[in-house]
Amino acid sequence: MYITSLVDTRTGVHSLLNSYSENDLVNMFSELGIVRKCKMNRHTRSAHQSKNYGSFVKTDEILDSDLTVWLQKLEEFVFEQNEKKDNDN
């Protein structure tokens, strides 16, 4: 999973930020240091002229972070949002 795809703000992208109303949980996730670092890494890697092209966030940084806990919370959030949507229809 690409962490940055969850917080992508580009038009037409089905990210958490684009697909759901503003939510504190999603906002807090997008501001996590590891998420911001992954996002910055994505931008510098895709800029072919960048001096940082080819660099990456170290696996240990990701594994040592609390992303698993956050992803579980986000999974519950998405499930609850979909349940609400189904009940409203």
PDB file of N, CA and C in Angstrom:
ATOM      1  N   MET A   1       0.845  -1.172   0.000  1.00  0.00           N
ATOM      2  CA  MET A   1       0.000   0.000   0.000  1.00  0.00           C
ATOM      3  C   MET A   1       0.885   1.229   0.000  1.00  0.00           C
ATOM      4  N   TYR A   2       0.504   2.196  -0.789  1.00  0.00           N
ATOM      5  CA  TYR A   2       1.195   3.469  -0.790  1.00  0.00           C
ATOM      6  C   TYR A   2       0.525   4.372   0.231  1.00  0.00           C
ATOM      7  N   ILE A   3       1.242   4.700   1.278  1.00  0.00           N
ATOM      8  CA  ILE A   3       0.702   5.544   2.332  1.00  0.00           C
ATOM      9  C   ILE A   3       0.250   6.886   1.760  1.00  0.00           C
ATOM     10  N   THR A   4       1.027   7.417   0.843  1.00  0.00           N
ATOM     11  CA  THR A   4       0.702   8.737   0.297  1.00  0.00           C
ATOM     12  C   THR A   4      -0.590   8.743  -0.507  1.00  0.00           C
ATOM     13  N   SER A   5      -0.979   7.597  -1.054  1.00  0.00           N
ATOM     14  CA  SER A   5      -2.224   7.564  -1.826  1.00  0.00           C
ATOM     15  C   SER A   5      -3.447   7.791  -0.928  1.00  0.00           C
ATOM     16  N   LEU A   6      -3.307   7.519   0.364  1.00  0.00           N
ATOM     17  CA  LEU A   6      -4.416   7.740   1.295  1.00  0.00           C
ATOM     18  C   LEU A   6      -4.660   9.221   1.560  1.00  0.00           C
ATOM     19  N   VAL A   7      -3.620  10.037   1.382  1.00  0.00           N
ATOM     20  CA  VAL A   7      -3.735  11.465   1.694  1.00  0.00           C
ATOM     21  C   VAL A   7      -3.501  12.342   0.468  1.00  0.00           C
ATOM     22  N   ASP A   8      -3.681  11.767  -0.698  1.00  0.00           N
ATOM     23  CA  ASP A   8      -3.488  12.496  -1.951  1.00  0.00           C
ATOM     24  C   ASP A   8      -4.623  13.500  -2.130  1.00  0.00           C
ATOM     25  N   THR A   9      -4.291  14.711  -2.474  1.00  0.00           N
ATOM     26  CA  THR A   9      -5.318  15.753  -2.636  1.00  0.00           C
ATOM     27  C   THR A   9      -5.572  16.123  -4.098  1.00  0.00           C
ATOM     28  N   ARG A  10      -4.936  15.419  -5.022  1.00  0.00           N
ATOM     29  CA  ARG A  10      -5.148  15.749  -6.432  1.00  0.00           C
ATOM     30  C   ARG A  10      -6.597  15.468  -6.833  1.00  0.00           C
ATOM     31  N   THR A  11      -7.114  16.270  -7.706  1.00  0.00           N
ATOM     32  CA  THR A  11      -8.478  16.109  -8.202  1.00  0.00           C
ATOM     33  C   THR A  11      -8.618  14.768  -8.911  1.00  0.00           C
ATOM     34  N   GLY A  12      -9.713  14.084  -8.633  1.00  0.00           N
ATOM     35  CA  GLY A  12      -9.999  12.817  -9.293  1.00  0.00           C
ATOM     36  C   GLY A  12      -9.407  11.596  -8.608  1.00  0.00           C
ATOM     37  N   VAL A  13      -8.654  11.814  -7.546  1.00  0.00           N
ATOM     38  CA  VAL A  13      -8.047  10.706  -6.815  1.00  0.00           C
ATOM     39  C   VAL A  13      -8.969  10.324  -5.669  1.00  0.00           C
ATOM     40  N   HIS A  14      -9.195   9.038  -5.482  1.00  0.00           N
ATOM     41  CA  HIS A  14     -10.083   8.551  -4.425  1.00  0.00           C
ATOM     42  C   HIS A  14      -9.291   8.280  -3.149  1.00  0.00           C
ATOM     43  N   SER A  15      -8.820   9.338  -2.531  1.00  0.00           N
ATOM     44  CA  SER A  15      -8.080   9.211  -1.278  1.00  0.00           C
ATOM     45  C   SER A  15      -9.032   9.442  -0.110  1.00  0.00           C
ATOM     46  N   LEU A  16      -8.537   9.236   1.096  1.00  0.00           N
ATOM     47  CA  LEU A  16      -9.358   9.520   2.279  1.00  0.00           C
ATOM     48  C   LEU A  16      -9.734  10.992   2.337  1.00  0.00           C
ATOM     49  N   LEU A  17      -8.781  11.854   1.972  1.00  0.00           N
ATOM     50  CA  LEU A  17      -9.041  13.296   2.028  1.00  0.00           C
ATOM     51  C   LEU A  17     -10.072  13.735   0.994  1.00  0.00           C
ATOM     52  N   ASN A  18     -10.093  13.094  -0.147  1.00  0.00           N
ATOM     53  CA  ASN A  18     -11.027  13.475  -1.205  1.00  0.00           C
ATOM     54  C   ASN A  18     -12.362  12.749  -1.115  1.00  0.00           C
ATOM     55  N   SER A  19     -12.382  11.582  -0.509  1.00  0.00           N
ATOM     56  CA  SER A  19     -13.578  10.748  -0.550  1.00  0.00           C
ATOM     57  C   SER A  19     -14.526  10.936   0.627  1.00  0.00           C
ATOM     58  N   TYR A  20     -14.048  11.543   1.690  1.00  0.00           N
ATOM     59  CA  TYR A  20     -14.870  11.701   2.892  1.00  0.00           C
ATOM     60  C   TYR A  20     -14.842  13.145   3.364  1.00  0.00           C
ATOM     61  N   SER A  21     -15.889  13.548   4.086  1.00  0.00           N
ATOM     62  CA  SER A  21     -15.915  14.885   4.661  1.00  0.00           C
ATOM     63  C   SER A  21     -14.734  15.032   5.603  1.00  0.00           C
ATOM     64  N   GLU A  22     -14.349  16.266   5.831  1.00  0.00           N
ATOM     65  CA  GLU A  22     -13.216  16.511   6.724  1.00  0.00           C
ATOM     66  C   GLU A  22     -13.434  15.804   8.053  1.00  0.00           C
ATOM     67  N   ASN A  23     -12.392  15.137   8.509  1.00  0.00           N
ATOM     68  CA  ASN A  23     -12.483  14.333   9.711  1.00  0.00           C
ATOM     69  C   ASN A  23     -11.181  14.461  10.492  1.00  0.00           C
ATOM     70  N   ASP A  24     -11.288  14.573  11.823  1.00  0.00           N
ATOM     71  CA  ASP A  24     -10.095  14.739  12.663  1.00  0.00           C
ATOM     72  C   ASP A  24      -9.130  13.568  12.526  1.00  0.00           C
ATOM     73  N   LEU A  25      -9.641  12.351  12.484  1.00  0.00           N
ATOM     74  CA  LEU A  25      -8.788  11.170  12.393  1.00  0.00           C
ATOM     75  C   LEU A  25      -7.952  11.204  11.112  1.00  0.00           C
ATOM     76  N   VAL A  26      -8.604  11.491  10.008  1.00  0.00           N
ATOM     77  CA  VAL A  26      -7.914  11.542   8.719  1.00  0.00           C
ATOM     78  C   VAL A  26      -6.912  12.696   8.710  1.00  0.00           C
ATOM     79  N   ASN A  27      -7.305  13.834   9.266  1.00  0.00           N
ATOM     80  CA  ASN A  27      -6.390  14.976   9.327  1.00  0.00           C
ATOM     81  C   ASN A  27      -5.171  14.672  10.187  1.00  0.00           C
ATOM     82  N   MET A  28      -5.376  14.031  11.324  1.00  0.00           N
ATOM     83  CA  MET A  28      -4.248  13.680  12.197  1.00  0.00           C
ATOM     84  C   MET A  28      -3.322  12.688  11.499  1.00  0.00           C
ATOM     85  N   PHE A  29      -3.899  11.719  10.797  1.00  0.00           N
ATOM     86  CA  PHE A  29      -3.095  10.747  10.064  1.00  0.00           C
ATOM     87  C   PHE A  29      -2.242  11.451   9.012  1.00  0.00           C
ATOM     88  N   SER A  30      -2.834  12.365   8.280  1.00  0.00           N
ATOM     89  CA  SER A  30      -2.093  13.034   7.210  1.00  0.00           C
ATOM     90  C   SER A  30      -0.978  13.923   7.743  1.00  0.00           C
ATOM     91  N   GLU A  31      -1.051  14.283   9.025  1.00  0.00           N
ATOM     92  CA  GLU A  31      -0.010  15.122   9.625  1.00  0.00           C
ATOM     93  C   GLU A  31       1.055  14.329  10.383  1.00  0.00           C
ATOM     94  N   LEU A  32       0.924  13.002  10.445  1.00  0.00           N
ATOM     95  CA  LEU A  32       1.945  12.188  11.103  1.00  0.00           C
ATOM     96  C   LEU A  32       3.295  12.379  10.418  1.00  0.00           C
ATOM     97  N   GLY A  33       4.341  12.391  11.205  1.00  0.00           N
ATOM     98  CA  GLY A  33       5.681  12.571  10.651  1.00  0.00           C
ATOM     99  C   GLY A  33       6.031  11.565   9.578  1.00  0.00           C
ATOM    100  N   ILE A  34       5.730  10.290   9.806  1.00  0.00           N
ATOM    101  CA  ILE A  34       6.075   9.257   8.829  1.00  0.00           C
ATOM    102  C   ILE A  34       5.252   9.416   7.553  1.00  0.00           C
ATOM    103  N   VAL A  35       4.011   9.848   7.675  1.00  0.00           N
ATOM    104  CA  VAL A  35       3.169  10.065   6.487  1.00  0.00           C
ATOM    105  C   VAL A  35       3.702  11.255   5.694  1.00  0.00           C
ATOM    106  N   ARG A  36       4.054  12.312   6.394  1.00  0.00           N
ATOM    107  CA  ARG A  36       4.611  13.488   5.721  1.00  0.00           C
ATOM    108  C   ARG A  36       5.935  13.146   5.043  1.00  0.00           C
ATOM    109  N   LYS A  37       6.745  12.314   5.696  1.00  0.00           N
ATOM    110  CA  LYS A  37       8.024  11.918   5.121  1.00  0.00           C
ATOM    111  C   LYS A  37       7.795  11.072   3.862  1.00  0.00           C
ATOM    112  N   CYS A  38       6.840  10.149   3.914  1.00  0.00           N
ATOM    113  CA  CYS A  38       6.515   9.337   2.735  1.00  0.00           C
ATOM    114  C   CYS A  38       6.010  10.219   1.601  1.00  0.00           C
ATOM    115  N   LYS A  39       5.195  11.193   1.953  1.00  0.00           N
ATOM    116  CA  LYS A  39       4.652  12.100   0.942  1.00  0.00           C
ATOM    117  C   LYS A  39       5.773  12.918   0.305  1.00  0.00           C
ATOM    118  N   MET A  40       6.679  13.446   1.121  1.00  0.00           N
ATOM    119  CA  MET A  40       7.804  14.215   0.600  1.00  0.00           C
ATOM    120  C   MET A  40       8.680  13.322  -0.273  1.00  0.00           C
ATOM    121  N   ASN A  41       8.898  12.092   0.165  1.00  0.00           N
ATOM    122  CA  ASN A  41       9.691  11.142  -0.606  1.00  0.00           C
ATOM    123  C   ASN A  41       9.064  10.912  -1.976  1.00  0.00           C
ATOM    124  N   ARG A  42       7.757  10.797  -2.010  1.00  0.00           N
ATOM    125  CA  ARG A  42       7.063  10.581  -3.287  1.00  0.00           C
ATOM    126  C   ARG A  42       7.292  11.752  -4.223  1.00  0.00           C
ATOM    127  N   HIS A  43       7.223  12.967  -3.677  1.00  0.00           N
ATOM    128  CA  HIS A  43       7.414  14.152  -4.510  1.00  0.00           C
ATOM    129  C   HIS A  43       8.855  14.260  -5.012  1.00  0.00           C
ATOM    130  N   THR A  44       9.825  13.994  -4.164  1.00  0.00           N
ATOM    131  CA  THR A  44      11.213  14.135  -4.604  1.00  0.00           C
ATOM    132  C   THR A  44      11.619  13.023  -5.552  1.00  0.00           C
ATOM    133  N   ARG A  45      11.069  11.833  -5.364  1.00  0.00           N
ATOM    134  CA  ARG A  45      11.407  10.735  -6.269  1.00  0.00           C
ATOM    135  C   ARG A  45      10.822  10.951  -7.647  1.00  0.00           C
ATOM    136  N   SER A  46       9.652  11.582  -7.699  1.00  0.00           N
ATOM    137  CA  SER A  46       9.012  11.754  -8.999  1.00  0.00           C
ATOM    138  C   SER A  46       9.567  12.958  -9.747  1.00  0.00           C
ATOM    139  N   ALA A  47      10.318  13.779  -9.073  1.00  0.00           N
ATOM    140  CA  ALA A  47      10.943  14.922  -9.735  1.00  0.00           C
ATOM    141  C   ALA A  47      12.295  14.455 -10.283  1.00  0.00           C
ATOM    142  N   HIS A  48      12.321  14.081 -11.518  1.00  0.00           N
ATOM    143  CA  HIS A  48      13.504  13.440 -12.093  1.00  0.00           C
ATOM    144  C   HIS A  48      14.756  14.303 -12.043  1.00  0.00           C
ATOM    145  N   GLN A  49      14.585  15.588 -11.965  1.00  0.00           N
ATOM    146  CA  GLN A  49      15.746  16.459 -11.902  1.00  0.00           C
ATOM    147  C   GLN A  49      16.210  16.689 -10.466  1.00  0.00           C
ATOM    148  N   SER A  50      15.481  16.140  -9.514  1.00  0.00           N
ATOM    149  CA  SER A  50      15.797  16.359  -8.116  1.00  0.00           C
ATOM    150  C   SER A  50      17.094  15.670  -7.728  1.00  0.00           C
ATOM    151  N   LYS A  51      17.860  16.338  -6.863  1.00  0.00           N
ATOM    152  CA  LYS A  51      19.098  15.722  -6.368  1.00  0.00           C
ATOM    153  C   LYS A  51      18.774  14.535  -5.464  1.00  0.00           C
ATOM    154  N   ASN A  52      17.516  14.470  -4.968  1.00  0.00           N
ATOM    155  CA  ASN A  52      17.096  13.379  -4.096  1.00  0.00           C
ATOM    156  C   ASN A  52      16.452  12.227  -4.856  1.00  0.00           C
ATOM    157  N   TYR A  53      16.424  12.310  -6.180  1.00  0.00           N
ATOM    158  CA  TYR A  53      15.772  11.262  -6.960  1.00  0.00           C
ATOM    159  C   TYR A  53      16.391   9.910  -6.629  1.00  0.00           C
ATOM    160  N   GLY A  54      15.558   8.951  -6.347  1.00  0.00           N
ATOM    161  CA  GLY A  54      16.022   7.617  -6.036  1.00  0.00           C
ATOM    162  C   GLY A  54      16.184   7.360  -4.550  1.00  0.00           C
ATOM    163  N   SER A  55      16.014   8.399  -3.743  1.00  0.00           N
ATOM    164  CA  SER A  55      16.084   8.171  -2.298  1.00  0.00           C
ATOM    165  C   SER A  55      14.766   7.570  -1.841  1.00  0.00           C
ATOM    166  N   PHE A  56      14.750   7.047  -0.633  1.00  0.00           N
ATOM    167  CA  PHE A  56      13.517   6.433  -0.164  1.00  0.00           C
ATOM    168  C   PHE A  56      13.461   6.467   1.350  1.00  0.00           C
ATOM    169  N   VAL A  57      12.263   6.304   1.886  1.00  0.00           N
ATOM    170  CA  VAL A  57      12.079   6.183   3.323  1.00  0.00           C
ATOM    171  C   VAL A  57      12.537   4.784   3.692  1.00  0.00           C
ATOM    172  N   LYS A  58      13.375   4.676   4.692  1.00  0.00           N
ATOM    173  CA  LYS A  58      13.926   3.381   5.076  1.00  0.00           C
ATOM    174  C   LYS A  58      12.833   2.470   5.627  1.00  0.00           C
ATOM    175  N   THR A  59      12.929   1.204   5.291  1.00  0.00           N
ATOM    176  CA  THR A  59      11.961   0.216   5.745  1.00  0.00           C
ATOM    177  C   THR A  59      11.832   0.214   7.262  1.00  0.00           C
ATOM    178  N   ASP A  60      12.955   0.314   7.960  1.00  0.00           N
ATOM    179  CA  ASP A  60      12.929   0.323   9.427  1.00  0.00           C
ATOM    180  C   ASP A  60      12.106   1.485   9.971  1.00  0.00           C
ATOM    181  N   GLU A  61      12.176   2.635   9.300  1.00  0.00           N
ATOM    182  CA  GLU A  61      11.396   3.791   9.745  1.00  0.00           C
ATOM    183  C   GLU A  61       9.902   3.486   9.676  1.00  0.00           C
ATOM    184  N   ILE A  62       9.508   2.830   8.623  1.00  0.00           N
ATOM    185  CA  ILE A  62       8.093   2.490   8.454  1.00  0.00           C
ATOM    186  C   ILE A  62       7.688   1.409   9.458  1.00  0.00           C
ATOM    187  N   LEU A  63       8.518   0.379   9.582  1.00  0.00           N
ATOM    188  CA  LEU A  63       8.190  -0.714  10.492  1.00  0.00           C
ATOM    189  C   LEU A  63       8.204  -0.287  11.952  1.00  0.00           C
ATOM    190  N   ASP A  64       9.059   0.658  12.301  1.00  0.00           N
ATOM    191  CA  ASP A  64       9.143   1.147  13.677  1.00  0.00           C
ATOM    192  C   ASP A  64       8.069   2.178  14.014  1.00  0.00           C
ATOM    193  N   SER A  65       7.368   2.648  13.010  1.00  0.00           N
ATOM    194  CA  SER A  65       6.322   3.651  13.251  1.00  0.00           C
ATOM    195  C   SER A  65       5.042   2.962  13.733  1.00  0.00           C
ATOM    196  N   ASP A  66       4.066   3.760  14.078  1.00  0.00           N
ATOM    197  CA  ASP A  66       2.786   3.208  14.526  1.00  0.00           C
ATOM    198  C   ASP A  66       1.748   3.213  13.400  1.00  0.00           C
ATOM    199  N   LEU A  67       2.214   3.048  12.170  1.00  0.00           N
ATOM    200  CA  LEU A  67       1.306   3.051  11.023  1.00  0.00           C
ATOM    201  C   LEU A  67       0.265   1.939  11.099  1.00  0.00           C
ATOM    202  N   THR A  68       0.629   0.778  11.610  1.00  0.00           N
ATOM    203  CA  THR A  68      -0.319  -0.331  11.689  1.00  0.00           C
ATOM    204  C   THR A  68      -1.524   0.051  12.533  1.00  0.00           C
ATOM    205  N   VAL A  69      -1.281   0.697  13.654  1.00  0.00           N
ATOM    206  CA  VAL A  69      -2.374   1.143  14.531  1.00  0.00           C
ATOM    207  C   VAL A  69      -3.245   2.160  13.797  1.00  0.00           C
ATOM    208  N   TRP A  70      -2.599   3.103  13.126  1.00  0.00           N
ATOM    209  CA  TRP A  70      -3.348   4.120  12.393  1.00  0.00           C
ATOM    210  C   TRP A  70      -4.152   3.514  11.252  1.00  0.00           C
ATOM    211  N   LEU A  71      -3.567   2.572  10.539  1.00  0.00           N
ATOM    212  CA  LEU A  71      -4.280   1.945   9.429  1.00  0.00           C
ATOM    213  C   LEU A  71      -5.487   1.159   9.916  1.00  0.00           C
ATOM    214  N   GLN A  72      -5.390   0.546  11.088  1.00  0.00           N
ATOM    215  CA  GLN A  72      -6.543  -0.144  11.672  1.00  0.00           C
ATOM    216  C   GLN A  72      -7.644   0.854  12.010  1.00  0.00           C
ATOM    217  N   LYS A  73      -7.280   1.987  12.578  1.00  0.00           N
ATOM    218  CA  LYS A  73      -8.262   3.027  12.899  1.00  0.00           C
ATOM    219  C   LYS A  73      -8.922   3.542  11.632  1.00  0.00           C
ATOM    220  N   LEU A  74      -8.128   3.737  10.589  1.00  0.00           N
ATOM    221  CA  LEU A  74      -8.674   4.238   9.332  1.00  0.00           C
ATOM    222  C   LEU A  74      -9.586   3.201   8.672  1.00  0.00           C
ATOM    223  N   GLU A  75      -9.225   1.934   8.803  1.00  0.00           N
ATOM    224  CA  GLU A  75     -10.077   0.876   8.268  1.00  0.00           C
ATOM    225  C   GLU A  75     -11.439   0.886   8.967  1.00  0.00           C
ATOM    226  N   GLU A  76     -11.437   1.056  10.281  1.00  0.00           N
ATOM    227  CA  GLU A  76     -12.691   1.149  11.039  1.00  0.00           C
ATOM    228  C   GLU A  76     -13.485   2.380  10.609  1.00  0.00           C
ATOM    229  N   PHE A  77     -12.796   3.490  10.406  1.00  0.00           N
ATOM    230  CA  PHE A  77     -13.446   4.725   9.963  1.00  0.00           C
ATOM    231  C   PHE A  77     -14.149   4.520   8.621  1.00  0.00           C
ATOM    232  N   VAL A  78     -13.439   3.923   7.667  1.00  0.00           N
ATOM    233  CA  VAL A  78     -14.022   3.690   6.337  1.00  0.00           C
ATOM    234  C   VAL A  78     -15.220   2.747   6.447  1.00  0.00           C
ATOM    235  N   PHE A  79     -15.093   1.703   7.252  1.00  0.00           N
ATOM    236  CA  PHE A  79     -16.190   0.770   7.453  1.00  0.00           C
ATOM    237  C   PHE A  79     -17.412   1.495   8.020  1.00  0.00           C
ATOM    238  N   GLU A  80     -17.204   2.322   9.049  1.00  0.00           N
ATOM    239  CA  GLU A  80     -18.309   3.072   9.662  1.00  0.00           C
ATOM    240  C   GLU A  80     -18.950   4.037   8.672  1.00  0.00           C
ATOM    241  N   GLN A  81     -18.133   4.699   7.863  1.00  0.00           N
ATOM    242  CA  GLN A  81     -18.665   5.640   6.876  1.00  0.00           C
ATOM    243  C   GLN A  81     -19.510   4.915   5.842  1.00  0.00           C
ATOM    244  N   ASN A  82     -19.047   3.747   5.429  1.00  0.00           N
ATOM    245  CA  ASN A  82     -19.808   2.971   4.445  1.00  0.00           C
ATOM    246  C   ASN A  82     -21.096   2.426   5.048  1.00  0.00           C
ATOM    247  N   GLU A  83     -21.062   2.033   6.331  1.00  0.00           N
ATOM    248  CA  GLU A  83     -22.273   1.584   7.025  1.00  0.00           C
ATOM    249  C   GLU A  83     -23.298   2.716   7.086  1.00  0.00           C
ATOM    250  N   LYS A  84     -22.839   3.908   7.435  1.00  0.00           N
ATOM    251  CA  LYS A  84     -23.742   5.081   7.506  1.00  0.00           C
ATOM    252  C   LYS A  84     -24.348   5.352   6.135  1.00  0.00           C
ATOM    253  N   LYS A  85     -23.519   5.277   5.111  1.00  0.00           N
ATOM    254  CA  LYS A  85     -23.992   5.523   3.748  1.00  0.00           C
ATOM    255  C   LYS A  85     -25.048   4.500   3.360  1.00  0.00           C
ATOM    256  N   ASP A  86     -24.812   3.223   3.678  1.00  0.00           N
ATOM    257  CA  ASP A  86     -25.771   2.160   3.363  1.00  0.00           C
ATOM    258  C   ASP A  86     -27.079   2.345   4.132  1.00  0.00           C
ATOM    259  N   ASN A  87     -26.995   2.795   5.383  1.00  0.00           N
ATOM    260  CA  ASN A  87     -28.192   2.993   6.206  1.00  0.00           C
ATOM    261  C   ASN A  87     -28.989   4.211   5.755  1.00  0.00           C
ATOM    262  N   ASP A  88     -28.313   5.184   5.160  1.00  0.00           N
ATOM    263  CA  ASP A  88     -28.997   6.387   4.687  1.00  0.00           C
ATOM    264  C   ASP A  88     -29.757   6.122   3.385  1.00  0.00           C
ATOM    265  N   ASN A  89     -29.382   5.078   2.681  1.00  0.00           N
ATOM    266  CA  ASN A  89     -30.038   4.781   1.396  1.00  0.00           C
ATOM    267  C   ASN A  89     -31.228   3.926   1.573  1.00  0.00           C
TER     268      ASN A  89
END
